[in-house]
Amino acid sequence: MKRVLLKLSGEALAGDKKTGFDEPTVTKVAVQVKQLVDAGIQVGIVIGGGNFWRGRSSENIDRTKADQIGMLATVMNCIYVSEIFRSVGMMTQILTPFACGAFTKLFAKDRVNKYFEKGIVSFFAGGTGHPYFSTDTATVLRAIEIEADVILLAKSIDGVYDSDPKTNPDAKKYDEISIQEVIDKKLGVVDMAASILCMENKMPMLVFGLNEENSIVNTVNGKFNGTKVTV
């Protein structure tokens, strides 16, 4: 792998606290990503906003406004995680699809390529910049745009199951599954819009549990026990 896009869930970064940030958890992620960068792998990152806000956290406000709050939650997450990355010795930049003053740079593929050439980790914050699209969709969109080799999907659950393992103790985990099967069986690895984007643009995913020891490094080195989603 030469270029990867890592998707982190906001909830995973909050650790057991479920909201906000758990610094030891984020630092563990940073240390692993530094190993990839030191090995010459170019890394882009998308972070969800669920540790602050989910798109439908309130039923009383307009959906567009709710999604805008979610986009800003992802910007906050990227600023925080970017600083932790810098503290362990990496160079970082945050890009958004809309202007955020001096906080971020506007996303452009040429700009990202220049950052990657300099070994800079690029954070893609703010989702797609539009309501009704999740950070799943933003993840796949950015992976396709930057021509990533694969999406690394780091979740609170360690792979893709045929049903929810939290409610079904007999749920079966897949070692490998096609994105077509994911769509047909409505397995919800990523949302439907993101799944179709993956299928149409042949973007594979590796789904694994963030909380497992060295899970990011192991996944890149082919030693993971999550699920490979093929195209």
C-alpha atoms as a PDB file:
ATOM      1  CA  MET A   1       0.000   0.000   0.000  1.00  0.00           C
ATOM      2  CA  LYS A   2       1.299   3.428  -0.940  1.00  0.00           C
ATOM      3  CA  ARG A   3      -1.690   5.593  -0.045  1.00  0.00           C
ATOM      4  CA  VAL A   4      -4.498   4.805   2.397  1.00  0.00           C
ATOM      5  CA  LEU A   5      -7.532   6.580   3.770  1.00  0.00           C
ATOM      6  CA  LEU A   6      -8.178   5.873   7.449  1.00  0.00           C
ATOM      7  CA  LYS A   7     -11.717   6.412   8.762  1.00  0.00           C
ATOM      8  CA  LEU A   8     -11.994   6.822  12.520  1.00  0.00           C
ATOM      9  CA  SER A   9     -15.309   6.921  14.319  1.00  0.00           C
ATOM     10  CA  GLY A  10     -15.773   9.816  16.710  1.00  0.00           C
ATOM     11  CA  GLU A  11     -17.136   7.441  19.358  1.00  0.00           C
ATOM     12  CA  ALA A  12     -14.000   5.286  19.150  1.00  0.00           C
ATOM     13  CA  LEU A  13     -11.849   8.338  19.934  1.00  0.00           C
ATOM     14  CA  ALA A  14     -13.926   9.014  23.048  1.00  0.00           C
ATOM     15  CA  GLY A  15     -12.999   5.620  24.509  1.00  0.00           C
ATOM     16  CA  ASP A  16     -15.140   4.480  27.417  1.00  0.00           C
ATOM     17  CA  LYS A  17     -16.308   8.052  28.020  1.00  0.00           C
ATOM     18  CA  LYS A  18     -18.491   7.885  24.861  1.00  0.00           C
ATOM     19  CA  THR A  19     -18.307  11.688  24.410  1.00  0.00           C
ATOM     20  CA  GLY A  20     -15.454  14.146  23.959  1.00  0.00           C
ATOM     21  CA  PHE A  21     -11.901  12.830  23.660  1.00  0.00           C
ATOM     22  CA  ASP A  22      -9.882  10.151  25.399  1.00  0.00           C
ATOM     23  CA  GLU A  23      -6.300  11.320  24.941  1.00  0.00           C
ATOM     24  CA  PRO A  24      -4.580   7.938  25.579  1.00  0.00           C
ATOM     25  CA  THR A  25      -6.777   6.373  22.864  1.00  0.00           C
ATOM     26  CA  VAL A  26      -5.961   9.132  20.358  1.00  0.00           C
ATOM     27  CA  THR A  27      -2.256   8.970  21.212  1.00  0.00           C
ATOM     28  CA  LYS A  28      -2.232   5.210  20.505  1.00  0.00           C
ATOM     29  CA  VAL A  29      -3.725   5.952  17.073  1.00  0.00           C
ATOM     30  CA  ALA A  30      -1.116   8.661  16.452  1.00  0.00           C
ATOM     31  CA  VAL A  31       1.790   6.361  17.347  1.00  0.00           C
ATOM     32  CA  GLN A  32       0.508   3.731  14.916  1.00  0.00           C
ATOM     33  CA  VAL A  33      -0.050   6.204  12.068  1.00  0.00           C
ATOM     34  CA  LYS A  34       3.485   7.544  12.583  1.00  0.00           C
ATOM     35  CA  GLN A  35       4.796   4.029  11.915  1.00  0.00           C
ATOM     36  CA  LEU A  36       2.968   4.054   8.567  1.00  0.00           C
ATOM     37  CA  VAL A  37       4.247   7.533   7.678  1.00  0.00           C
ATOM     38  CA  ASP A  38       7.808   6.563   8.659  1.00  0.00           C
ATOM     39  CA  ALA A  39       7.470   3.556   6.318  1.00  0.00           C
ATOM     40  CA  GLY A  40       6.647   5.914   3.437  1.00  0.00           C
ATOM     41  CA  ILE A  41       2.885   5.319   3.337  1.00  0.00           C
ATOM     42  CA  GLN A  42       0.750   8.380   2.547  1.00  0.00           C
ATOM     43  CA  VAL A  43      -2.155   8.732   4.967  1.00  0.00           C
ATOM     44  CA  GLY A  44      -5.425  10.639   4.654  1.00  0.00           C
ATOM     45  CA  ILE A  45      -7.885  10.655   7.545  1.00  0.00           C
ATOM     46  CA  VAL A  46     -11.634  11.186   7.950  1.00  0.00           C
ATOM     47  CA  ILE A  47     -13.154  11.350  11.435  1.00  0.00           C
ATOM     48  CA  GLY A  48     -16.826  11.055  12.307  1.00  0.00           C
ATOM     49  CA  GLY A  49     -18.521  13.466  14.707  1.00  0.00           C
ATOM     50  CA  GLY A  50     -20.499  11.053  16.868  1.00  0.00           C
ATOM     51  CA  ASN A  51     -18.557  11.847  20.044  1.00  0.00           C
ATOM     52  CA  PHE A  52     -20.193  15.293  19.919  1.00  0.00           C
ATOM     53  CA  TRP A  53     -23.249  15.098  17.715  1.00  0.00           C
ATOM     54  CA  ARG A  54     -25.101  12.719  15.448  1.00  0.00           C
ATOM     55  CA  GLY A  55     -27.070  14.073  12.505  1.00  0.00           C
ATOM     56  CA  ARG A  56     -30.400  13.275  14.145  1.00  0.00           C
ATOM     57  CA  SER A  57     -29.499  13.942  17.775  1.00  0.00           C
ATOM     58  CA  SER A  58     -32.477  16.292  17.910  1.00  0.00           C
ATOM     59  CA  GLU A  59     -35.844  15.810  16.249  1.00  0.00           C
ATOM     60  CA  ASN A  60     -36.757  19.441  16.837  1.00  0.00           C
ATOM     61  CA  ILE A  61     -34.362  21.179  14.472  1.00  0.00           C
ATOM     62  CA  ASP A  62     -34.111  21.303  10.711  1.00  0.00           C
ATOM     63  CA  ARG A  63     -32.178  18.373   9.181  1.00  0.00           C
ATOM     64  CA  THR A  64     -29.895  20.710   7.220  1.00  0.00           C
ATOM     65  CA  LYS A  65     -28.929  22.585  10.387  1.00  0.00           C
ATOM     66  CA  ALA A  66     -28.450  19.311  12.280  1.00  0.00           C
ATOM     67  CA  ASP A  67     -26.070  18.086   9.581  1.00  0.00           C
ATOM     68  CA  GLN A  68     -24.174  21.389   9.647  1.00  0.00           C
ATOM     69  CA  ILE A  69     -23.594  20.930  13.385  1.00  0.00           C
ATOM     70  CA  GLY A  70     -22.278  17.436  12.596  1.00  0.00           C
ATOM     71  CA  MET A  71     -19.884  18.836   9.980  1.00  0.00           C
ATOM     72  CA  LEU A  72     -18.470  21.282  12.522  1.00  0.00           C
ATOM     73  CA  ALA A  73     -18.104  18.432  15.038  1.00  0.00           C
ATOM     74  CA  THR A  74     -15.814  16.684  12.545  1.00  0.00           C
ATOM     75  CA  VAL A  75     -13.752  19.874  12.169  1.00  0.00           C
ATOM     76  CA  MET A  76     -13.266  20.020  15.955  1.00  0.00           C
ATOM     77  CA  ASN A  77     -12.261  16.355  15.966  1.00  0.00           C
ATOM     78  CA  CYS A  78      -9.721  16.840  13.195  1.00  0.00           C
ATOM     79  CA  ILE A  79      -8.153  19.884  14.888  1.00  0.00           C
ATOM     80  CA  TYR A  80      -7.747  17.923  18.125  1.00  0.00           C
ATOM     81  CA  VAL A  81      -6.446  14.708  16.572  1.00  0.00           C
ATOM     82  CA  SER A  82      -4.151  16.667  14.248  1.00  0.00           C
ATOM     83  CA  GLU A  83      -2.515  18.290  17.280  1.00  0.00           C
ATOM     84  CA  ILE A  84      -2.005  14.919  18.980  1.00  0.00           C
ATOM     85  CA  PHE A  85      -0.407  13.669  15.747  1.00  0.00           C
ATOM     86  CA  ARG A  86       1.936  16.665  15.769  1.00  0.00           C
ATOM     87  CA  SER A  87       2.881  15.973  19.387  1.00  0.00           C
ATOM     88  CA  VAL A  88       4.306  12.569  18.376  1.00  0.00           C
ATOM     89  CA  GLY A  89       6.331  14.036  15.498  1.00  0.00           C
ATOM     90  CA  MET A  90       4.149  14.153  12.383  1.00  0.00           C
ATOM     91  CA  MET A  91       3.334  17.047  10.042  1.00  0.00           C
ATOM     92  CA  THR A  92      -0.398  17.553   9.447  1.00  0.00           C
ATOM     93  CA  GLN A  93      -2.869  19.677   7.524  1.00  0.00           C
ATOM     94  CA  ILE A  94      -6.657  19.901   7.790  1.00  0.00           C
ATOM     95  CA  LEU A  95      -8.758  20.380   4.672  1.00  0.00           C
ATOM     96  CA  THR A  96     -12.457  21.217   4.445  1.00  0.00           C
ATOM     97  CA  PRO A  97     -14.881  21.590   1.521  1.00  0.00           C
ATOM     98  CA  PHE A  98     -15.903  25.020   2.884  1.00  0.00           C
ATOM     99  CA  ALA A  99     -13.953  28.007   4.237  1.00  0.00           C
ATOM    100  CA  CYS A 100     -13.165  27.919   7.987  1.00  0.00           C
ATOM    101  CA  GLY A 101     -11.056  31.052   8.211  1.00  0.00           C
ATOM    102  CA  ALA A 102      -7.505  30.270   9.299  1.00  0.00           C
ATOM    103  CA  PHE A 103      -8.507  26.926  10.870  1.00  0.00           C
ATOM    104  CA  THR A 104      -8.305  24.819   7.706  1.00  0.00           C
ATOM    105  CA  LYS A 105      -7.359  24.847   4.034  1.00  0.00           C
ATOM    106  CA  LEU A 106      -9.885  24.334   1.237  1.00  0.00           C
ATOM    107  CA  PHE A 107      -9.846  20.787  -0.130  1.00  0.00           C
ATOM    108  CA  ALA A 108      -8.260  20.354  -3.556  1.00  0.00           C
ATOM    109  CA  LYS A 109      -6.721  17.198  -4.955  1.00  0.00           C
ATOM    110  CA  ASP A 110      -3.583  19.010  -6.170  1.00  0.00           C
ATOM    111  CA  ARG A 111      -3.076  20.493  -2.703  1.00  0.00           C
ATOM    112  CA  VAL A 112      -3.441  17.058  -1.072  1.00  0.00           C
ATOM    113  CA  ASN A 113      -0.927  15.521  -3.489  1.00  0.00           C
ATOM    114  CA  LYS A 114       1.621  18.217  -2.570  1.00  0.00           C
ATOM    115  CA  TYR A 115       1.081  17.490   1.127  1.00  0.00           C
ATOM    116  CA  PHE A 116       1.506  13.759   0.568  1.00  0.00           C
ATOM    117  CA  GLU A 117       4.769  14.321  -1.332  1.00  0.00           C
ATOM    118  CA  LYS A 118       6.091  16.121   1.771  1.00  0.00           C
ATOM    119  CA  GLY A 119       5.012  13.328   4.132  1.00  0.00           C
ATOM    120  CA  ILE A 120       2.168  15.405   5.584  1.00  0.00           C
ATOM    121  CA  VAL A 121      -0.867  13.574   6.990  1.00  0.00           C
ATOM    122  CA  SER A 122      -4.018  15.135   5.511  1.00  0.00           C
ATOM    123  CA  PHE A 123      -7.222  15.339   7.553  1.00  0.00           C
ATOM    124  CA  PHE A 124     -10.442  15.647   5.552  1.00  0.00           C
ATOM    125  CA  ALA A 125     -12.912  17.441   7.835  1.00  0.00           C
ATOM    126  CA  GLY A 126     -16.410  18.801   7.250  1.00  0.00           C
ATOM    127  CA  GLY A 127     -17.819  15.765   5.446  1.00  0.00           C
ATOM    128  CA  THR A 128     -18.829  16.472   1.856  1.00  0.00           C
ATOM    129  CA  GLY A 129     -19.846  19.996   2.813  1.00  0.00           C
ATOM    130  CA  HIS A 130     -23.501  19.194   2.142  1.00  0.00           C
ATOM    131  CA  PRO A 131     -26.373  17.975   4.308  1.00  0.00           C
ATOM    132  CA  TYR A 132     -27.870  14.487   3.875  1.00  0.00           C
ATOM    133  CA  PHE A 133     -24.406  12.961   3.247  1.00  0.00           C
ATOM    134  CA  SER A 134     -22.671  11.111   6.060  1.00  0.00           C
ATOM    135  CA  THR A 135     -18.975  10.921   6.911  1.00  0.00           C
ATOM    136  CA  ASP A 136     -19.154   7.407   5.377  1.00  0.00           C
ATOM    137  CA  THR A 137     -19.935   9.001   2.029  1.00  0.00           C
ATOM    138  CA  ALA A 138     -17.242  11.644   2.581  1.00  0.00           C
ATOM    139  CA  THR A 139     -14.746   8.859   3.345  1.00  0.00           C
ATOM    140  CA  VAL A 140     -15.406   6.990   0.110  1.00  0.00           C
ATOM    141  CA  LEU A 141     -15.562  10.201  -1.929  1.00  0.00           C
ATOM    142  CA  ARG A 142     -12.175  11.406  -0.646  1.00  0.00           C
ATOM    143  CA  ALA A 143     -10.616   7.943  -1.053  1.00  0.00           C
ATOM    144  CA  ILE A 144     -11.691   7.902  -4.699  1.00  0.00           C
ATOM    145  CA  GLU A 145     -10.555  11.495  -5.313  1.00  0.00           C
ATOM    146  CA  ILE A 146      -7.086  10.994  -3.839  1.00  0.00           C
ATOM    147  CA  GLU A 147      -6.795   7.562  -5.531  1.00  0.00           C
ATOM    148  CA  ALA A 148      -6.195   5.677  -2.278  1.00  0.00           C
ATOM    149  CA  ASP A 149      -5.311   1.993  -2.517  1.00  0.00           C
ATOM    150  CA  VAL A 150      -7.794   1.059   0.205  1.00  0.00           C
ATOM    151  CA  ILE A 151     -10.058   2.437   2.927  1.00  0.00           C
ATOM    152  CA  LEU A 152      -9.099   1.404   6.459  1.00  0.00           C
ATOM    153  CA  LEU A 153     -12.365   1.402   8.415  1.00  0.00           C
ATOM    154  CA  ALA A 154     -11.518   1.501  12.131  1.00  0.00           C
ATOM    155  CA  LYS A 155     -14.659   0.840  14.141  1.00  0.00           C
ATOM    156  CA  SER A 156     -15.726  -0.008  17.671  1.00  0.00           C
ATOM    157  CA  ILE A 157     -16.635  -3.498  16.334  1.00  0.00           C
ATOM    158  CA  ASP A 158     -13.986  -5.852  14.893  1.00  0.00           C
ATOM    159  CA  GLY A 159     -15.395  -6.563  11.437  1.00  0.00           C
ATOM    160  CA  VAL A 160     -18.532  -7.207   9.401  1.00  0.00           C
ATOM    161  CA  TYR A 161     -21.174  -9.536  10.879  1.00  0.00           C
ATOM    162  CA  ASP A 162     -24.337 -11.065   9.409  1.00  0.00           C
ATOM    163  CA  SER A 163     -26.306  -9.431  12.267  1.00  0.00           C
ATOM    164  CA  ASP A 164     -25.597  -7.104  15.178  1.00  0.00           C
ATOM    165  CA  PRO A 165     -23.225  -8.924  17.585  1.00  0.00           C
ATOM    166  CA  LYS A 166     -24.321  -6.601  20.387  1.00  0.00           C
ATOM    167  CA  THR A 167     -27.839  -8.035  20.258  1.00  0.00           C
ATOM    168  CA  ASN A 168     -27.197 -11.459  18.703  1.00  0.00           C
ATOM    169  CA  PRO A 169     -24.536 -13.591  20.475  1.00  0.00           C
ATOM    170  CA  ASP A 170     -24.637 -16.039  17.530  1.00  0.00           C
ATOM    171  CA  ALA A 171     -23.783 -13.377  14.931  1.00  0.00           C
ATOM    172  CA  LYS A 172     -21.286 -14.672  12.360  1.00  0.00           C
ATOM    173  CA  LYS A 173     -18.289 -12.595  11.304  1.00  0.00           C
ATOM    174  CA  TYR A 174     -17.171 -12.552   7.673  1.00  0.00           C
ATOM    175  CA  ASP A 175     -13.459 -12.851   6.865  1.00  0.00           C
ATOM    176  CA  GLU A 176     -14.198 -11.577   3.367  1.00  0.00           C
ATOM    177  CA  ILE A 177     -17.334 -10.285   1.681  1.00  0.00           C
ATOM    178  CA  SER A 178     -18.062  -8.428  -1.549  1.00  0.00           C
ATOM    179  CA  ILE A 179     -19.492  -4.921  -1.499  1.00  0.00           C
ATOM    180  CA  GLN A 180     -22.371  -6.285  -3.621  1.00  0.00           C
ATOM    181  CA  GLU A 181     -23.279  -8.702  -0.812  1.00  0.00           C
ATOM    182  CA  VAL A 182     -23.031  -5.882   1.729  1.00  0.00           C
ATOM    183  CA  ILE A 183     -25.555  -3.917  -0.343  1.00  0.00           C
ATOM    184  CA  ASP A 184     -27.849  -6.901  -1.022  1.00  0.00           C
ATOM    185  CA  LYS A 185     -27.930  -7.966   2.625  1.00  0.00           C
ATOM    186  CA  LYS A 186     -28.137  -4.385   3.928  1.00  0.00           C
ATOM    187  CA  LEU A 187     -25.286  -5.064   6.360  1.00  0.00           C
ATOM    188  CA  GLY A 188     -24.661  -1.377   6.993  1.00  0.00           C
ATOM    189  CA  VAL A 189     -20.849  -1.449   6.951  1.00  0.00           C
ATOM    190  CA  VAL A 190     -21.125   2.052   5.549  1.00  0.00           C
ATOM    191  CA  ASP A 191     -24.370   3.692   4.473  1.00  0.00           C
ATOM    192  CA  MET A 192     -26.000   2.873   1.147  1.00  0.00           C
ATOM    193  CA  ALA A 193     -24.720   5.936  -0.736  1.00  0.00           C
ATOM    194  CA  ALA A 194     -21.153   5.149   0.353  1.00  0.00           C
ATOM    195  CA  SER A 195     -21.560   1.441  -0.483  1.00  0.00           C
ATOM    196  CA  ILE A 196     -22.700   2.215  -4.030  1.00  0.00           C
ATOM    197  CA  LEU A 197     -19.817   4.693  -4.498  1.00  0.00           C
ATOM    198  CA  CYS A 198     -17.411   1.925  -3.403  1.00  0.00           C
ATOM    199  CA  MET A 199     -18.948  -0.556  -5.801  1.00  0.00           C
ATOM    200  CA  GLU A 200     -19.034   1.757  -8.810  1.00  0.00           C
ATOM    201  CA  ASN A 201     -15.473   2.971  -8.280  1.00  0.00           C
ATOM    202  CA  LYS A 202     -13.986  -0.341  -7.132  1.00  0.00           C
ATOM    203  CA  MET A 203     -12.721   0.966  -3.790  1.00  0.00           C
ATOM    204  CA  PRO A 204     -11.952  -1.896  -1.360  1.00  0.00           C
ATOM    205  CA  MET A 205     -12.284  -1.603   2.427  1.00  0.00           C
ATOM    206  CA  LEU A 206     -10.619  -3.300   5.366  1.00  0.00           C
ATOM    207  CA  VAL A 207     -12.903  -3.237   8.416  1.00  0.00           C
ATOM    208  CA  PHE A 208     -11.373  -3.814  11.861  1.00  0.00           C
ATOM    209  CA  GLY A 209     -11.634  -2.927  15.538  1.00  0.00           C
ATOM    210  CA  LEU A 210      -9.733   0.190  16.544  1.00  0.00           C
ATOM    211  CA  ASN A 211      -9.345  -0.963  20.136  1.00  0.00           C
ATOM    212  CA  GLU A 212      -7.291  -4.054  19.310  1.00  0.00           C
ATOM    213  CA  GLU A 213      -3.549  -3.747  19.975  1.00  0.00           C
ATOM    214  CA  ASN A 214      -1.693  -2.256  16.963  1.00  0.00           C
ATOM    215  CA  SER A 215      -4.780  -2.823  14.794  1.00  0.00           C
ATOM    216  CA  ILE A 216      -3.971  -0.099  12.239  1.00  0.00           C
ATOM    217  CA  VAL A 217      -0.366  -1.217  11.672  1.00  0.00           C
ATOM    218  CA  ASN A 218      -1.368  -4.897  11.593  1.00  0.00           C
ATOM    219  CA  THR A 219      -4.104  -4.201   9.049  1.00  0.00           C
ATOM    220  CA  VAL A 220      -1.717  -2.430   6.679  1.00  0.00           C
ATOM    221  CA  ASN A 221       0.785  -5.293   7.081  1.00  0.00           C
ATOM    222  CA  GLY A 222      -1.855  -7.923   6.286  1.00  0.00           C
ATOM    223  CA  LYS A 223      -1.993  -9.339   9.813  1.00  0.00           C
ATOM    224  CA  PHE A 224      -5.524  -8.310  10.718  1.00  0.00           C
ATOM    225  CA  ASN A 225      -8.480 -10.393  11.794  1.00  0.00           C
ATOM    226  CA  GLY A 226     -11.208  -8.052  10.606  1.00  0.00           C
ATOM    227  CA  THR A 227     -13.184  -8.253   7.362  1.00  0.00           C
ATOM    228  CA  LYS A 228     -11.981  -7.562   3.833  1.00  0.00           C
ATOM    229  CA  VAL A 229     -14.715  -5.952   1.716  1.00  0.00           C
ATOM    230  CA  THR A 230     -13.883  -6.724  -1.909  1.00  0.00           C
ATOM    231  CA  VAL A 231     -14.989  -5.062  -5.142  1.00  0.00           C
END
